[in-house]
C-alpha atoms as a PDB file:
ATOM      1  CA  MET A   1     222.336  24.604 200.537  1.00  0.00           C
ATOM      2  CA  LYS A   2     219.288  24.565 202.742  1.00  0.00           C
ATOM      3  CA  TYR A   3     216.157  26.306 201.512  1.00  0.00           C
ATOM      4  CA  LYS A   4     213.780  27.291 204.265  1.00  0.00           C
ATOM      5  CA  PHE A   5     210.080  27.234 203.605  1.00  0.00           C
ATOM      6  CA  LEU A   6     207.282  29.340 205.099  1.00  0.00           C
ATOM      7  CA  ALA A   7     203.680  28.345 204.668  1.00  0.00           C
ATOM      8  CA  ALA A   8     202.989  31.457 202.645  1.00  0.00           C
ATOM      9  CA  PHE A   9     202.076  30.924 199.060  1.00  0.00           C
ATOM     10  CA  THR A  10     201.406  34.517 198.224  1.00  0.00           C
ATOM     11  CA  LEU A  11     205.088  35.192 197.614  1.00  0.00           C
ATOM     12  CA  MET A  12     207.117  32.323 196.200  1.00  0.00           C
ATOM     13  CA  ILE A  13     210.393  34.030 197.005  1.00  0.00           C
ATOM     14  CA  CYS A  14     209.428  34.154 200.674  1.00  0.00           C
ATOM     15  CA  MET A  15     208.727  30.446 200.593  1.00  0.00           C
ATOM     16  CA  MET A  16     212.392  29.734 200.016  1.00  0.00           C
ATOM     17  CA  SER A  17     213.843  32.139 202.577  1.00  0.00           C
ATOM     18  CA  MET A  18     211.779  31.937 205.788  1.00  0.00           C
ATOM     19  CA  PRO A  19     211.144  29.239 208.401  1.00  0.00           C
ATOM     20  CA  PHE A  20     208.018  27.084 208.267  1.00  0.00           C
ATOM     21  CA  SER A  21     206.587  26.203 211.662  1.00  0.00           C
ATOM     22  CA  LEU A  22     204.315  23.327 212.519  1.00  0.00           C
ATOM     23  CA  GLN A  23     203.294  22.829 216.142  1.00  0.00           C
ATOM     24  CA  ALA A  24     206.190  24.826 217.608  1.00  0.00           C
ATOM     25  CA  GLU A  25     208.779  23.045 215.479  1.00  0.00           C
ATOM     26  CA  THR A  26     210.559  24.314 212.394  1.00  0.00           C
ATOM     27  CA  TYR A  27     210.740  22.254 209.228  1.00  0.00           C
ATOM     28  CA  ASP A  28     212.853  22.932 206.179  1.00  0.00           C
ATOM     29  CA  ILE A  29     212.927  21.859 202.618  1.00  0.00           C
ATOM     30  CA  LYS A  30     216.283  20.226 203.127  1.00  0.00           C
ATOM     31  CA  GLU A  31     216.811  19.335 199.493  1.00  0.00           C
ATOM     32  CA  MET A  32     215.536  21.427 196.613  1.00  0.00           C
ATOM     33  CA  THR A  33     214.647  18.534 194.360  1.00  0.00           C
ATOM     34  CA  PRO A  34     213.842  19.138 190.697  1.00  0.00           C
ATOM     35  CA  GLU A  35     210.179  18.326 191.469  1.00  0.00           C
ATOM     36  CA  VAL A  36     209.964  20.917 194.246  1.00  0.00           C
ATOM     37  CA  LYS A  37     211.757  23.529 192.144  1.00  0.00           C
ATOM     38  CA  ASN A  38     209.391  22.872 189.223  1.00  0.00           C
ATOM     39  CA  ALA A  39     206.380  23.150 191.533  1.00  0.00           C
ATOM     40  CA  LEU A  40     207.621  26.444 192.985  1.00  0.00           C
ATOM     41  CA  ASP A  41     208.399  27.843 189.537  1.00  0.00           C
ATOM     42  CA  ALA A  42     204.989  26.830 188.188  1.00  0.00           C
ATOM     43  CA  ARG A  43     203.246  28.400 191.190  1.00  0.00           C
ATOM     44  CA  THR A  44     205.154  31.625 190.652  1.00  0.00           C
ATOM     45  CA  ALA A  45     204.180  31.669 186.968  1.00  0.00           C
ATOM     46  CA  ARG A  46     200.455  31.250 187.691  1.00  0.00           C
ATOM     47  CA  PHE A  47     200.314  33.517 190.758  1.00  0.00           C
ATOM     48  CA  GLY A  48     198.820  36.552 188.982  1.00  0.00           C
ATOM     49  CA  GLU A  49     196.146  34.553 187.225  1.00  0.00           C
ATOM     50  CA  LEU A  50     195.259  32.758 190.448  1.00  0.00           C
ATOM     51  CA  GLN A  51     194.888  36.084 192.274  1.00  0.00           C
ATOM     52  CA  SER A  52     192.658  37.380 189.487  1.00  0.00           C
ATOM     53  CA  LEU A  53     190.375  34.344 189.723  1.00  0.00           C
ATOM     54  CA  LYS A  54     190.228  34.724 193.491  1.00  0.00           C
ATOM     55  CA  ALA A  55     189.233  38.382 193.100  1.00  0.00           C
ATOM     56  CA  GLN A  56     186.423  37.297 190.758  1.00  0.00           C
ATOM     57  CA  GLY A  57     185.174  34.750 193.287  1.00  0.00           C
ATOM     58  CA  ILE A  58     185.884  31.854 190.932  1.00  0.00           C
ATOM     59  CA  ILE A  59     188.471  30.238 193.193  1.00  0.00           C
ATOM     60  CA  GLY A  60     188.785  30.197 196.971  1.00  0.00           C
ATOM     61  CA  GLU A  61     191.182  28.785 199.548  1.00  0.00           C
ATOM     62  CA  ASN A  62     189.713  25.714 201.244  1.00  0.00           C
ATOM     63  CA  ASN A  63     190.409  24.409 204.738  1.00  0.00           C
ATOM     64  CA  GLY A  64     192.694  21.705 203.369  1.00  0.00           C
ATOM     65  CA  GLY A  65     195.409  24.043 202.103  1.00  0.00           C
ATOM     66  CA  LEU A  66     194.225  23.773 198.509  1.00  0.00           C
ATOM     67  CA  VAL A  67     192.358  26.021 196.107  1.00  0.00           C
ATOM     68  CA  GLU A  68     188.798  25.134 195.215  1.00  0.00           C
ATOM     69  CA  VAL A  69     186.583  26.212 192.341  1.00  0.00           C
ATOM     70  CA  ARG A  70     183.620  28.204 193.655  1.00  0.00           C
ATOM     71  CA  LYS A  71     182.027  29.149 190.311  1.00  0.00           C
ATOM     72  CA  SER A  72     182.041  26.968 187.229  1.00  0.00           C
ATOM     73  CA  SER A  73     184.940  27.972 185.011  1.00  0.00           C
ATOM     74  CA  PRO A  74     187.047  25.856 182.655  1.00  0.00           C
ATOM     75  CA  VAL A  75     190.026  28.151 183.248  1.00  0.00           C
ATOM     76  CA  GLY A  76     189.442  28.073 186.998  1.00  0.00           C
ATOM     77  CA  SER A  77     189.157  24.301 187.049  1.00  0.00           C
ATOM     78  CA  GLY A  78     192.364  23.795 185.118  1.00  0.00           C
ATOM     79  CA  LEU A  79     194.252  26.335 187.175  1.00  0.00           C
ATOM     80  CA  ALA A  80     193.009  24.856 190.462  1.00  0.00           C
ATOM     81  CA  GLN A  81     194.059  21.378 189.372  1.00  0.00           C
ATOM     82  CA  GLU A  82     197.568  22.555 188.451  1.00  0.00           C
ATOM     83  CA  GLU A  83     197.959  24.645 191.616  1.00  0.00           C
ATOM     84  CA  ASN A  84     196.814  21.828 193.880  1.00  0.00           C
ATOM     85  CA  ALA A  85     199.125  19.317 192.206  1.00  0.00           C
ATOM     86  CA  ASP A  86     202.084  21.630 192.806  1.00  0.00           C
ATOM     87  CA  ARG A  87     201.063  22.299 196.402  1.00  0.00           C
ATOM     88  CA  MET A  88     200.883  18.557 197.038  1.00  0.00           C
ATOM     89  CA  VAL A  89     204.424  18.108 195.677  1.00  0.00           C
ATOM     90  CA  ILE A  90     205.624  20.751 198.154  1.00  0.00           C
ATOM     91  CA  TYR A  91     203.582  19.341 201.049  1.00  0.00           C
ATOM     92  CA  GLN A  92     204.910  15.843 200.387  1.00  0.00           C
ATOM     93  CA  ALA A  93     208.494  17.107 200.285  1.00  0.00           C
ATOM     94  CA  ILE A  94     208.025  18.780 203.676  1.00  0.00           C
ATOM     95  CA  ILE A  95     206.537  15.584 205.087  1.00  0.00           C
ATOM     96  CA  ASN A  96     209.239  13.314 203.669  1.00  0.00           C
ATOM     97  CA  GLN A  97     212.221  15.533 204.419  1.00  0.00           C
ATOM     98  CA  ASN A  98     211.130  16.187 207.998  1.00  0.00           C
ATOM     99  CA  GLY A  99     209.995  12.687 208.914  1.00  0.00           C
ATOM    100  CA  LEU A 100     206.401  13.685 209.651  1.00  0.00           C
ATOM    101  CA  GLY A 101     205.037  10.238 208.816  1.00  0.00           C
ATOM    102  CA  LEU A 102     201.571   9.130 207.863  1.00  0.00           C
ATOM    103  CA  ASN A 103     199.758  11.852 209.791  1.00  0.00           C
ATOM    104  CA  GLY A 104     201.965  14.589 208.359  1.00  0.00           C
ATOM    105  CA  LEU A 105     199.766  15.512 205.408  1.00  0.00           C
ATOM    106  CA  GLY A 106     196.789  16.541 207.509  1.00  0.00           C
ATOM    107  CA  LYS A 107     198.995  18.600 209.796  1.00  0.00           C
ATOM    108  CA  VAL A 108     200.791  20.348 206.944  1.00  0.00           C
ATOM    109  CA  GLN A 109     197.544  21.066 205.101  1.00  0.00           C
ATOM    110  CA  ALA A 110     195.910  22.513 208.219  1.00  0.00           C
ATOM    111  CA  VAL A 111     198.837  24.870 208.811  1.00  0.00           C
ATOM    112  CA  PHE A 112     198.956  25.974 205.181  1.00  0.00           C
ATOM    113  CA  ALA A 113     195.186  26.515 205.139  1.00  0.00           C
ATOM    114  CA  GLU A 114     195.483  28.777 208.171  1.00  0.00           C
ATOM    115  CA  VAL A 115     198.245  30.786 206.527  1.00  0.00           C
ATOM    116  CA  GLN A 116     196.208  31.139 203.349  1.00  0.00           C
ATOM    117  CA  ARG A 117     193.199  32.376 205.322  1.00  0.00           C
ATOM    118  CA  ASP A 118     195.399  34.926 207.083  1.00  0.00           C
ATOM    119  CA  LYS A 119     197.000  36.104 203.852  1.00  0.00           C
ATOM    120  CA  ALA A 120     193.782  36.241 201.799  1.00  0.00           C
ATOM    121  CA  ARG A 121     192.857  39.644 200.469  1.00  0.00           C
ATOM    122  CA  SER A 122     189.634  41.412 201.327  1.00  0.00           C
ATOM    123  CA  GLY A 123     186.825  39.877 199.266  1.00  0.00           C
ATOM    124  CA  ASP A 124     188.577  36.538 198.685  1.00  0.00           C
ATOM    125  CA  PHE A 125     186.650  33.386 199.563  1.00  0.00           C
ATOM    126  CA  ILE A 126     188.139  31.299 202.357  1.00  0.00           C
ATOM    127  CA  GLN A 127     186.889  28.151 204.030  1.00  0.00           C
ATOM    128  CA  LEU A 128     186.944  28.130 207.808  1.00  0.00           C
ATOM    129  CA  PRO A 129     188.115  25.053 209.762  1.00  0.00           C
ATOM    130  CA  SER A 130     184.421  24.290 210.383  1.00  0.00           C
ATOM    131  CA  GLY A 131     183.868  23.918 206.628  1.00  0.00           C
ATOM    132  CA  GLN A 132     181.878  27.131 206.272  1.00  0.00           C
ATOM    133  CA  TRP A 133     182.804  29.396 203.361  1.00  0.00           C
ATOM    134  CA  THR A 134     183.045  33.136 203.890  1.00  0.00           C
ATOM    135  CA  GLN A 135     184.465  36.189 202.203  1.00  0.00           C
ATOM    136  CA  LYS A 136     187.333  37.842 203.977  1.00  0.00           C
END
């Protein structure tokens, strides 16, 4: 069964049911490997805590499609590390399963960063493509 993937991390269920577009092409997670499933499940489990840390300004969404610690916090640091590791598993699966090659990671991260900026809630920290941080 084919699981489609949208570059929207705010709702894990949506990630598995909608198309993911990159430069006018659609890419799928063609095989739901145990690693991808574990990454998606872990992201779902930490979603509420991640949103809480974003609301507190501890974590923000950077321009590389990853979360970044904005204020020193042991909990924030650990959560960011786990979240980013899971995102990289998903990004790599998209790259590998769609034959995006060596330049695929940068492309996938840029698209996911844009989606995260668009989906950020008011008050969340986001990093613009220029590298500048701002609050949405």
